[in-house]
C-alpha cells in the first residue's frame, strides 16, 4: 500500500482511517481513499467518517424474526399464519451517528440520513465494536442515498439538548425490507439484519376494545353487587361466583382476538 502524504491542500481531504490525503473534486460527496479504500462523506462544512454495520441475519433468519413478531401480542391473532409474504429484500439504510457526552456520561444517538416511515429508528442500538470502514464494493444490496443533510440531523439533535457532540459519523445499517399481505391489504416491515428486531409503522394491530368491554362489565357487576349486598360473607361468595364466568369470558376473548 502506498504511503499517505503528510500534508493537506484546500482541494483535498484527509482519510479518517489511515490519514492519507485524497484529491477532492468540486461537488463530490463521497471520496474513496486511494490508500486504504475507505469511503468518506464530505458535506463541505466538515468531513465525517463513513462506516457500515455488517449484517448478521440472512434471509431465513429474517423471515423467522418476522414470523415471531407476527405471532406476538401487538398484532392480530394468527397474523403469522394468515398473512402472505410477498418479498424480502435487503437494503443499506444511512443514519447519522452522534457520540455525545452529557452530565450522565457518554451516549450514542442516531438520526435518519434519508426519509423513512420506520418508527423508533432513532432508538436503534449501533454497536461500536462492529462498525467497519465503508467501502462501496462491499455492498451487494440496494444502497439508499443520503438525502437528509448533516446540518438538519444536527438540528434535530440540538432539540434534544443531550450534551456536547464528540464524534459524528455516517453509518449504513442493513435492513431486510419485508412486504406481506393480510386480508387484501399490503404492509411493510423492516427487520434489522444486525439484531433481528422488527420495525413497522402500520400493521394489523390487535383490537383492545373486547378487553375494555370485559373490564367494564366486571366493574359494573362488582359495583352493583357491592351496593345491593350488605352481608360481608354473602358479598364475598357472590364476588367469587361472578369472577368465575368473567375469567372464562376473558380467556375466551384472549383466544379469539
C-alpha atoms as a PDB file:
ATOM      1  CA  UNK A   1       0.000   0.000   0.000  1.00  0.00           C
ATOM      2  CA  UNK A   2       1.307   3.453  -0.870  1.00  0.00           C
ATOM      3  CA  UNK A   3       2.491   5.728   1.921  1.00  0.00           C
ATOM      4  CA  UNK A   4      -0.028   8.554   2.519  1.00  0.00           C
ATOM      5  CA  UNK A   5       1.201  12.137   2.226  1.00  0.00           C
ATOM      6  CA  UNK A   6       1.562  14.161   5.399  1.00  0.00           C
ATOM      7  CA  UNK A   7       0.010  17.475   4.311  1.00  0.00           C
ATOM      8  CA  UNK A   8      -3.455  18.564   3.179  1.00  0.00           C
ATOM      9  CA  UNK A   9      -4.280  21.057   0.438  1.00  0.00           C
ATOM     10  CA  UNK A  10      -7.576  23.053   0.163  1.00  0.00           C
ATOM     11  CA  UNK A  11      -8.725  20.740  -2.638  1.00  0.00           C
ATOM     12  CA  UNK A  12      -8.034  17.544  -0.733  1.00  0.00           C
ATOM     13  CA  UNK A  13      -9.445  15.601   2.175  1.00  0.00           C
ATOM     14  CA  UNK A  14      -7.600  13.518   4.765  1.00  0.00           C
ATOM     15  CA  UNK A  15      -8.831   9.969   5.345  1.00  0.00           C
ATOM     16  CA  UNK A  16     -10.012   9.471   8.916  1.00  0.00           C
ATOM     17  CA  UNK A  17      -8.952   5.817   8.755  1.00  0.00           C
ATOM     18  CA  UNK A  18      -5.345   5.963   7.526  1.00  0.00           C
ATOM     19  CA  UNK A  19      -4.501   9.680   7.339  1.00  0.00           C
ATOM     20  CA  UNK A  20      -3.987   9.621   3.575  1.00  0.00           C
ATOM     21  CA  UNK A  21      -4.603  12.794   1.571  1.00  0.00           C
ATOM     22  CA  UNK A  22      -7.077  12.422  -1.297  1.00  0.00           C
ATOM     23  CA  UNK A  23      -7.985  14.821  -4.076  1.00  0.00           C
ATOM     24  CA  UNK A  24     -11.404  16.433  -3.630  1.00  0.00           C
ATOM     25  CA  UNK A  25     -13.404  17.247  -6.758  1.00  0.00           C
ATOM     26  CA  UNK A  26     -15.981  20.044  -6.726  1.00  0.00           C
ATOM     27  CA  UNK A  27     -19.453  18.729  -5.916  1.00  0.00           C
ATOM     28  CA  UNK A  28     -18.126  15.371  -4.801  1.00  0.00           C
ATOM     29  CA  UNK A  29     -19.969  13.974  -1.741  1.00  0.00           C
ATOM     30  CA  UNK A  30     -18.209  10.613  -1.334  1.00  0.00           C
ATOM     31  CA  UNK A  31     -14.459  10.104  -1.584  1.00  0.00           C
ATOM     32  CA  UNK A  32     -12.863   6.656  -1.808  1.00  0.00           C
ATOM     33  CA  UNK A  33      -9.455   6.738  -0.121  1.00  0.00           C
ATOM     34  CA  UNK A  34      -6.662   5.975  -2.587  1.00  0.00           C
ATOM     35  CA  UNK A  35      -4.589   4.323   0.119  1.00  0.00           C
ATOM     36  CA  UNK A  36      -6.917   2.144   2.211  1.00  0.00           C
ATOM     37  CA  UNK A  37     -10.135   2.034   0.177  1.00  0.00           C
ATOM     38  CA  UNK A  38     -12.341   3.541   2.914  1.00  0.00           C
ATOM     39  CA  UNK A  39     -15.149   5.851   1.831  1.00  0.00           C
ATOM     40  CA  UNK A  40     -15.502   9.308   3.375  1.00  0.00           C
ATOM     41  CA  UNK A  41     -18.584  11.525   3.345  1.00  0.00           C
ATOM     42  CA  UNK A  42     -17.993  15.216   2.665  1.00  0.00           C
ATOM     43  CA  UNK A  43     -20.721  17.811   3.195  1.00  0.00           C
ATOM     44  CA  UNK A  44     -18.400  20.803   2.512  1.00  0.00           C
ATOM     45  CA  UNK A  45     -18.643  22.013   6.111  1.00  0.00           C
ATOM     46  CA  UNK A  46     -16.865  19.036   7.614  1.00  0.00           C
ATOM     47  CA  UNK A  47     -15.655  15.548   6.811  1.00  0.00           C
ATOM     48  CA  UNK A  48     -17.171  12.656   8.759  1.00  0.00           C
ATOM     49  CA  UNK A  49     -16.211   9.014   8.954  1.00  0.00           C
ATOM     50  CA  UNK A  50     -18.266   6.604   6.848  1.00  0.00           C
ATOM     51  CA  UNK A  51     -18.962   3.183   8.387  1.00  0.00           C
ATOM     52  CA  UNK A  52     -21.123   0.159   7.734  1.00  0.00           C
ATOM     53  CA  UNK A  53     -22.614  -2.436  10.034  1.00  0.00           C
ATOM     54  CA  UNK A  54     -22.261  -5.925   8.637  1.00  0.00           C
ATOM     55  CA  UNK A  55     -25.483  -7.972   8.540  1.00  0.00           C
ATOM     56  CA  UNK A  56     -25.665 -10.981  10.843  1.00  0.00           C
ATOM     57  CA  UNK A  57     -29.052 -12.301   9.712  1.00  0.00           C
ATOM     58  CA  UNK A  58     -29.610 -13.977   6.354  1.00  0.00           C
ATOM     59  CA  UNK A  59     -32.978 -14.174   4.636  1.00  0.00           C
ATOM     60  CA  UNK A  60     -34.160 -17.328   6.513  1.00  0.00           C
ATOM     61  CA  UNK A  61     -33.340 -15.733   9.882  1.00  0.00           C
ATOM     62  CA  UNK A  62     -35.062 -12.508   8.838  1.00  0.00           C
ATOM     63  CA  UNK A  63     -38.224 -14.411   7.915  1.00  0.00           C
ATOM     64  CA  UNK A  64     -38.119 -16.235  11.245  1.00  0.00           C
ATOM     65  CA  UNK A  65     -37.815 -12.919  13.137  1.00  0.00           C
ATOM     66  CA  UNK A  66     -40.750 -11.529  11.183  1.00  0.00           C
ATOM     67  CA  UNK A  67     -42.907 -14.566  11.993  1.00  0.00           C
ATOM     68  CA  UNK A  68     -42.071 -14.310  15.706  1.00  0.00           C
ATOM     69  CA  UNK A  69     -43.102 -10.652  15.684  1.00  0.00           C
ATOM     70  CA  UNK A  70     -46.326 -11.502  13.832  1.00  0.00           C
ATOM     71  CA  UNK A  71     -47.239 -14.049  16.499  1.00  0.00           C
ATOM     72  CA  UNK A  72     -46.632 -11.557  19.321  1.00  0.00           C
ATOM     73  CA  UNK A  73     -49.069  -9.597  21.470  1.00  0.00           C
ATOM     74  CA  UNK A  74     -49.211  -6.438  19.349  1.00  0.00           C
ATOM     75  CA  UNK A  75     -50.558  -7.939  16.135  1.00  0.00           C
ATOM     76  CA  UNK A  76     -53.881  -9.563  15.293  1.00  0.00           C
ATOM     77  CA  UNK A  77     -54.271 -13.190  16.203  1.00  0.00           C
ATOM     78  CA  UNK A  78     -52.699 -15.691  13.785  1.00  0.00           C
ATOM     79  CA  UNK A  79     -51.115 -12.981  11.627  1.00  0.00           C
ATOM     80  CA  UNK A  80     -48.115 -15.276  11.164  1.00  0.00           C
ATOM     81  CA  UNK A  81     -50.371 -17.963   9.654  1.00  0.00           C
ATOM     82  CA  UNK A  82     -52.915 -15.862   7.797  1.00  0.00           C
ATOM     83  CA  UNK A  83     -50.566 -13.378   6.110  1.00  0.00           C
ATOM     84  CA  UNK A  84     -48.806 -13.980   2.796  1.00  0.00           C
ATOM     85  CA  UNK A  85     -45.170 -12.928   2.478  1.00  0.00           C
ATOM     86  CA  UNK A  86     -44.652 -11.226  -0.900  1.00  0.00           C
ATOM     87  CA  UNK A  87     -40.978 -10.245  -0.930  1.00  0.00           C
ATOM     88  CA  UNK A  88     -37.892  -9.992   1.277  1.00  0.00           C
ATOM     89  CA  UNK A  89     -35.120  -7.649   0.106  1.00  0.00           C
ATOM     90  CA  UNK A  90     -32.078  -6.278   1.861  1.00  0.00           C
ATOM     91  CA  UNK A  91     -31.237  -2.575   1.784  1.00  0.00           C
ATOM     92  CA  UNK A  92     -28.462  -0.475   3.276  1.00  0.00           C
ATOM     93  CA  UNK A  93     -30.055   2.472   5.103  1.00  0.00           C
ATOM     94  CA  UNK A  94     -27.950   5.522   6.083  1.00  0.00           C
ATOM     95  CA  UNK A  95     -28.111   7.090   9.540  1.00  0.00           C
ATOM     96  CA  UNK A  96     -26.216   9.922  11.191  1.00  0.00           C
ATOM     97  CA  UNK A  97     -24.480   8.744  14.353  1.00  0.00           C
ATOM     98  CA  UNK A  98     -23.581  11.201  17.111  1.00  0.00           C
ATOM     99  CA  UNK A  99     -21.490  10.299  20.127  1.00  0.00           C
ATOM    100  CA  UNK A 100     -22.440  12.715  22.881  1.00  0.00           C
ATOM    101  CA  UNK A 101     -21.015  13.464  26.320  1.00  0.00           C
ATOM    102  CA  UNK A 102     -23.519  14.800  28.824  1.00  0.00           C
ATOM    103  CA  UNK A 103     -23.941  15.183  32.545  1.00  0.00           C
ATOM    104  CA  UNK A 104     -24.759  11.470  32.915  1.00  0.00           C
ATOM    105  CA  UNK A 105     -21.921  10.168  30.756  1.00  0.00           C
ATOM    106  CA  UNK A 106     -21.426   9.202  27.110  1.00  0.00           C
ATOM    107  CA  UNK A 107     -24.312   8.181  24.852  1.00  0.00           C
ATOM    108  CA  UNK A 108     -24.853   7.433  21.181  1.00  0.00           C
ATOM    109  CA  UNK A 109     -27.758   8.971  19.249  1.00  0.00           C
ATOM    110  CA  UNK A 110     -28.977   8.132  15.773  1.00  0.00           C
ATOM    111  CA  UNK A 111     -30.874  10.282  13.256  1.00  0.00           C
ATOM    112  CA  UNK A 112     -32.064   9.127   9.800  1.00  0.00           C
ATOM    113  CA  UNK A 113     -29.985  10.295   6.820  1.00  0.00           C
ATOM    114  CA  UNK A 114     -32.815   9.556   4.365  1.00  0.00           C
ATOM    115  CA  UNK A 115     -36.634   9.809   4.528  1.00  0.00           C
ATOM    116  CA  UNK A 116     -38.169   6.832   6.291  1.00  0.00           C
ATOM    117  CA  UNK A 117     -41.545   5.629   7.509  1.00  0.00           C
ATOM    118  CA  UNK A 118     -39.875   3.352  10.040  1.00  0.00           C
ATOM    119  CA  UNK A 119     -40.724   4.425  13.605  1.00  0.00           C
ATOM    120  CA  UNK A 120     -38.306   4.176  16.510  1.00  0.00           C
ATOM    121  CA  UNK A 121     -35.332   4.366  14.132  1.00  0.00           C
ATOM    122  CA  UNK A 122     -33.700   6.875  16.457  1.00  0.00           C
ATOM    123  CA  UNK A 123     -33.804   4.275  19.256  1.00  0.00           C
ATOM    124  CA  UNK A 124     -31.682   1.740  17.363  1.00  0.00           C
ATOM    125  CA  UNK A 125     -28.548   0.490  19.034  1.00  0.00           C
ATOM    126  CA  UNK A 126     -25.374   0.780  16.974  1.00  0.00           C
ATOM    127  CA  UNK A 127     -22.624  -1.453  18.454  1.00  0.00           C
ATOM    128  CA  UNK A 128     -19.386   0.483  18.028  1.00  0.00           C
ATOM    129  CA  UNK A 129     -17.264  -2.653  18.172  1.00  0.00           C
ATOM    130  CA  UNK A 130     -18.825  -3.986  14.966  1.00  0.00           C
ATOM    131  CA  UNK A 131     -18.529  -0.871  12.826  1.00  0.00           C
ATOM    132  CA  UNK A 132     -16.176  -1.195   9.881  1.00  0.00           C
ATOM    133  CA  UNK A 133     -14.935   1.313   7.324  1.00  0.00           C
ATOM    134  CA  UNK A 134     -17.396   1.603   4.466  1.00  0.00           C
ATOM    135  CA  UNK A 135     -16.289   0.501   1.008  1.00  0.00           C
ATOM    136  CA  UNK A 136     -18.756   0.648  -1.838  1.00  0.00           C
ATOM    137  CA  UNK A 137     -17.549  -2.661  -3.250  1.00  0.00           C
ATOM    138  CA  UNK A 138     -18.596  -4.421  -0.014  1.00  0.00           C
ATOM    139  CA  UNK A 139     -22.254  -3.620  -0.642  1.00  0.00           C
ATOM    140  CA  UNK A 140     -24.156  -6.097  -2.781  1.00  0.00           C
ATOM    141  CA  UNK A 141     -27.616  -4.773  -1.876  1.00  0.00           C
ATOM    142  CA  UNK A 142     -29.705  -1.689  -2.573  1.00  0.00           C
ATOM    143  CA  UNK A 143     -27.888   1.360  -1.191  1.00  0.00           C
ATOM    144  CA  UNK A 144     -30.274   4.127  -0.147  1.00  0.00           C
ATOM    145  CA  UNK A 145     -28.922   7.583  -0.946  1.00  0.00           C
ATOM    146  CA  UNK A 146     -28.162  10.176   1.730  1.00  0.00           C
ATOM    147  CA  UNK A 147     -30.761  12.932   1.301  1.00  0.00           C
ATOM    148  CA  UNK A 148     -31.017  14.387   4.817  1.00  0.00           C
ATOM    149  CA  UNK A 149     -28.191  16.941   5.262  1.00  0.00           C
ATOM    150  CA  UNK A 150     -25.912  16.625   8.243  1.00  0.00           C
ATOM    151  CA  UNK A 151     -26.931  20.116   9.399  1.00  0.00           C
ATOM    152  CA  UNK A 152     -30.571  19.017   9.549  1.00  0.00           C
ATOM    153  CA  UNK A 153     -29.729  15.993  11.681  1.00  0.00           C
ATOM    154  CA  UNK A 154     -27.583  18.179  13.927  1.00  0.00           C
ATOM    155  CA  UNK A 155     -30.586  20.479  14.362  1.00  0.00           C
ATOM    156  CA  UNK A 156     -32.757  17.541  15.450  1.00  0.00           C
ATOM    157  CA  UNK A 157     -30.093  16.530  17.948  1.00  0.00           C
ATOM    158  CA  UNK A 158     -29.861  20.062  19.361  1.00  0.00           C
ATOM    159  CA  UNK A 159     -33.583  19.989  20.063  1.00  0.00           C
ATOM    160  CA  UNK A 160     -32.975  17.061  22.395  1.00  0.00           C
ATOM    161  CA  UNK A 161     -30.413  19.087  24.360  1.00  0.00           C
ATOM    162  CA  UNK A 162     -28.377  15.963  25.132  1.00  0.00           C
ATOM    163  CA  UNK A 163     -24.893  17.418  25.582  1.00  0.00           C
ATOM    164  CA  UNK A 164     -21.719  18.003  23.581  1.00  0.00           C
ATOM    165  CA  UNK A 165     -21.060  16.026  20.388  1.00  0.00           C
ATOM    166  CA  UNK A 166     -17.647  14.354  20.483  1.00  0.00           C
ATOM    167  CA  UNK A 167     -17.952  12.271  17.289  1.00  0.00           C
ATOM    168  CA  UNK A 168     -20.062  12.386  14.123  1.00  0.00           C
ATOM    169  CA  UNK A 169     -20.271   9.571  11.587  1.00  0.00           C
ATOM    170  CA  UNK A 170     -22.376   8.305   8.707  1.00  0.00           C
ATOM    171  CA  UNK A 171     -23.327   4.665   9.276  1.00  0.00           C
ATOM    172  CA  UNK A 172     -25.089   2.332   6.874  1.00  0.00           C
ATOM    173  CA  UNK A 173     -27.452  -0.058   8.646  1.00  0.00           C
ATOM    174  CA  UNK A 174     -28.535  -3.333   6.995  1.00  0.00           C
ATOM    175  CA  UNK A 175     -32.292  -3.994   6.908  1.00  0.00           C
ATOM    176  CA  UNK A 176     -34.455  -6.700   5.402  1.00  0.00           C
ATOM    177  CA  UNK A 177     -37.483  -4.996   3.835  1.00  0.00           C
ATOM    178  CA  UNK A 178     -40.403  -7.440   4.089  1.00  0.00           C
ATOM    179  CA  UNK A 179     -43.644  -6.942   2.186  1.00  0.00           C
ATOM    180  CA  UNK A 180     -46.673  -9.021   3.148  1.00  0.00           C
ATOM    181  CA  UNK A 181     -50.420  -9.128   2.607  1.00  0.00           C
ATOM    182  CA  UNK A 182     -53.194  -9.583   5.132  1.00  0.00           C
ATOM    183  CA  UNK A 183     -56.887  -9.590   4.211  1.00  0.00           C
ATOM    184  CA  UNK A 184     -56.180  -7.983   0.838  1.00  0.00           C
ATOM    185  CA  UNK A 185     -54.054  -5.127   2.182  1.00  0.00           C
ATOM    186  CA  UNK A 186     -50.288  -4.755   1.764  1.00  0.00           C
ATOM    187  CA  UNK A 187     -47.931  -3.940   4.638  1.00  0.00           C
ATOM    188  CA  UNK A 188     -44.195  -3.370   5.013  1.00  0.00           C
ATOM    189  CA  UNK A 189     -41.996  -4.275   7.965  1.00  0.00           C
ATOM    190  CA  UNK A 190     -38.245  -3.844   8.352  1.00  0.00           C
ATOM    191  CA  UNK A 191     -36.116  -6.475  10.063  1.00  0.00           C
ATOM    192  CA  UNK A 192     -32.837  -5.199  11.478  1.00  0.00           C
ATOM    193  CA  UNK A 193     -30.265  -7.515   9.895  1.00  0.00           C
ATOM    194  CA  UNK A 194     -27.937  -6.838  12.799  1.00  0.00           C
ATOM    195  CA  UNK A 195     -30.196  -7.609  15.770  1.00  0.00           C
ATOM    196  CA  UNK A 196     -33.324  -9.249  14.336  1.00  0.00           C
ATOM    197  CA  UNK A 197     -35.581  -6.504  15.709  1.00  0.00           C
ATOM    198  CA  UNK A 198     -38.707  -5.711  13.685  1.00  0.00           C
ATOM    199  CA  UNK A 199     -39.794  -2.138  12.947  1.00  0.00           C
ATOM    200  CA  UNK A 200     -43.180  -1.353  11.421  1.00  0.00           C
ATOM    201  CA  UNK A 201     -45.203   1.843  11.147  1.00  0.00           C
ATOM    202  CA  UNK A 202     -48.534   0.367  10.022  1.00  0.00           C
ATOM    203  CA  UNK A 203     -49.555  -3.230  10.666  1.00  0.00           C
ATOM    204  CA  UNK A 204     -52.680  -5.251  11.564  1.00  0.00           C
ATOM    205  CA  UNK A 205     -52.990  -4.347  15.241  1.00  0.00           C
ATOM    206  CA  UNK A 206     -54.798  -6.372  17.865  1.00  0.00           C
ATOM    207  CA  UNK A 207     -58.058  -4.686  18.863  1.00  0.00           C
ATOM    208  CA  UNK A 208     -58.237  -3.749  22.541  1.00  0.00           C
ATOM    209  CA  UNK A 209     -61.973  -2.941  22.637  1.00  0.00           C
ATOM    210  CA  UNK A 210     -63.067  -6.503  23.641  1.00  0.00           C
ATOM    211  CA  UNK A 211     -60.726  -6.355  26.655  1.00  0.00           C
ATOM    212  CA  UNK A 212     -62.139  -2.985  27.684  1.00  0.00           C
ATOM    213  CA  UNK A 213     -65.683  -4.372  27.402  1.00  0.00           C
ATOM    214  CA  UNK A 214     -64.862  -7.315  29.676  1.00  0.00           C
ATOM    215  CA  UNK A 215     -63.227  -4.970  32.199  1.00  0.00           C
ATOM    216  CA  UNK A 216     -66.214  -2.596  32.100  1.00  0.00           C
ATOM    217  CA  UNK A 217     -68.638  -5.494  32.583  1.00  0.00           C
ATOM    218  CA  UNK A 218     -66.677  -6.671  35.617  1.00  0.00           C
ATOM    219  CA  UNK A 219     -66.684  -3.190  37.178  1.00  0.00           C
ATOM    220  CA  UNK A 220     -70.432  -2.844  36.672  1.00  0.00           C
ATOM    221  CA  UNK A 221     -71.259  -6.270  38.121  1.00  0.00           C
ATOM    222  CA  UNK A 222     -68.984  -5.942  41.145  1.00  0.00           C
ATOM    223  CA  UNK A 223     -70.224  -2.403  41.749  1.00  0.00           C
ATOM    224  CA  UNK A 224     -73.894  -3.361  41.665  1.00  0.00           C
ATOM    225  CA  UNK A 225     -73.292  -6.401  43.890  1.00  0.00           C
ATOM    226  CA  UNK A 226     -71.365  -4.289  46.372  1.00  0.00           C
ATOM    227  CA  UNK A 227     -74.220  -1.809  46.638  1.00  0.00           C
ATOM    228  CA  UNK A 228     -77.055  -4.384  46.902  1.00  0.00           C
ATOM    229  CA  UNK A 229     -75.456  -6.901  49.281  1.00  0.00           C
ATOM    230  CA  UNK A 230     -74.603  -5.702  52.773  1.00  0.00           C
ATOM    231  CA  UNK A 231     -73.600  -9.010  54.365  1.00  0.00           C
ATOM    232  CA  UNK A 232     -69.810  -9.364  54.044  1.00  0.00           C
ATOM    233  CA  UNK A 233     -69.779 -13.182  53.769  1.00  0.00           C
ATOM    234  CA  UNK A 234     -72.563 -13.226  51.182  1.00  0.00           C
ATOM    235  CA  UNK A 235     -70.828 -10.447  49.269  1.00  0.00           C
ATOM    236  CA  UNK A 236     -67.557 -12.439  49.078  1.00  0.00           C
ATOM    237  CA  UNK A 237     -69.415 -15.537  47.880  1.00  0.00           C
ATOM    238  CA  UNK A 238     -71.201 -13.567  45.153  1.00  0.00           C
ATOM    239  CA  UNK A 239     -67.928 -11.946  44.117  1.00  0.00           C
ATOM    240  CA  UNK A 240     -66.318 -15.376  43.684  1.00  0.00           C
ATOM    241  CA  UNK A 241     -69.297 -16.698  41.721  1.00  0.00           C
ATOM    242  CA  UNK A 242     -69.162 -13.630  39.466  1.00  0.00           C
ATOM    243  CA  UNK A 243     -65.406 -13.823  38.974  1.00  0.00           C
ATOM    244  CA  UNK A 244     -65.523 -17.372  37.613  1.00  0.00           C
ATOM    245  CA  UNK A 245     -67.579 -16.641  34.445  1.00  0.00           C
ATOM    246  CA  UNK A 246     -65.770 -13.319  33.969  1.00  0.00           C
ATOM    247  CA  UNK A 247     -62.435 -15.135  33.977  1.00  0.00           C
ATOM    248  CA  UNK A 248     -63.776 -17.623  31.441  1.00  0.00           C
ATOM    249  CA  UNK A 249     -65.063 -14.775  29.267  1.00  0.00           C
ATOM    250  CA  UNK A 250     -61.679 -13.017  29.420  1.00  0.00           C
ATOM    251  CA  UNK A 251     -59.926 -16.250  28.444  1.00  0.00           C
ATOM    252  CA  UNK A 252     -62.314 -16.746  25.516  1.00  0.00           C
ATOM    253  CA  UNK A 253     -61.691 -13.189  24.301  1.00  0.00           C
ATOM    254  CA  UNK A 254     -57.926 -13.669  24.559  1.00  0.00           C
ATOM    255  CA  UNK A 255     -58.167 -16.803  22.436  1.00  0.00           C
ATOM    256  CA  UNK A 256     -60.374 -15.212  19.783  1.00  0.00           C
ATOM    257  CA  UNK A 257     -58.892 -11.727  19.400  1.00  0.00           C
END
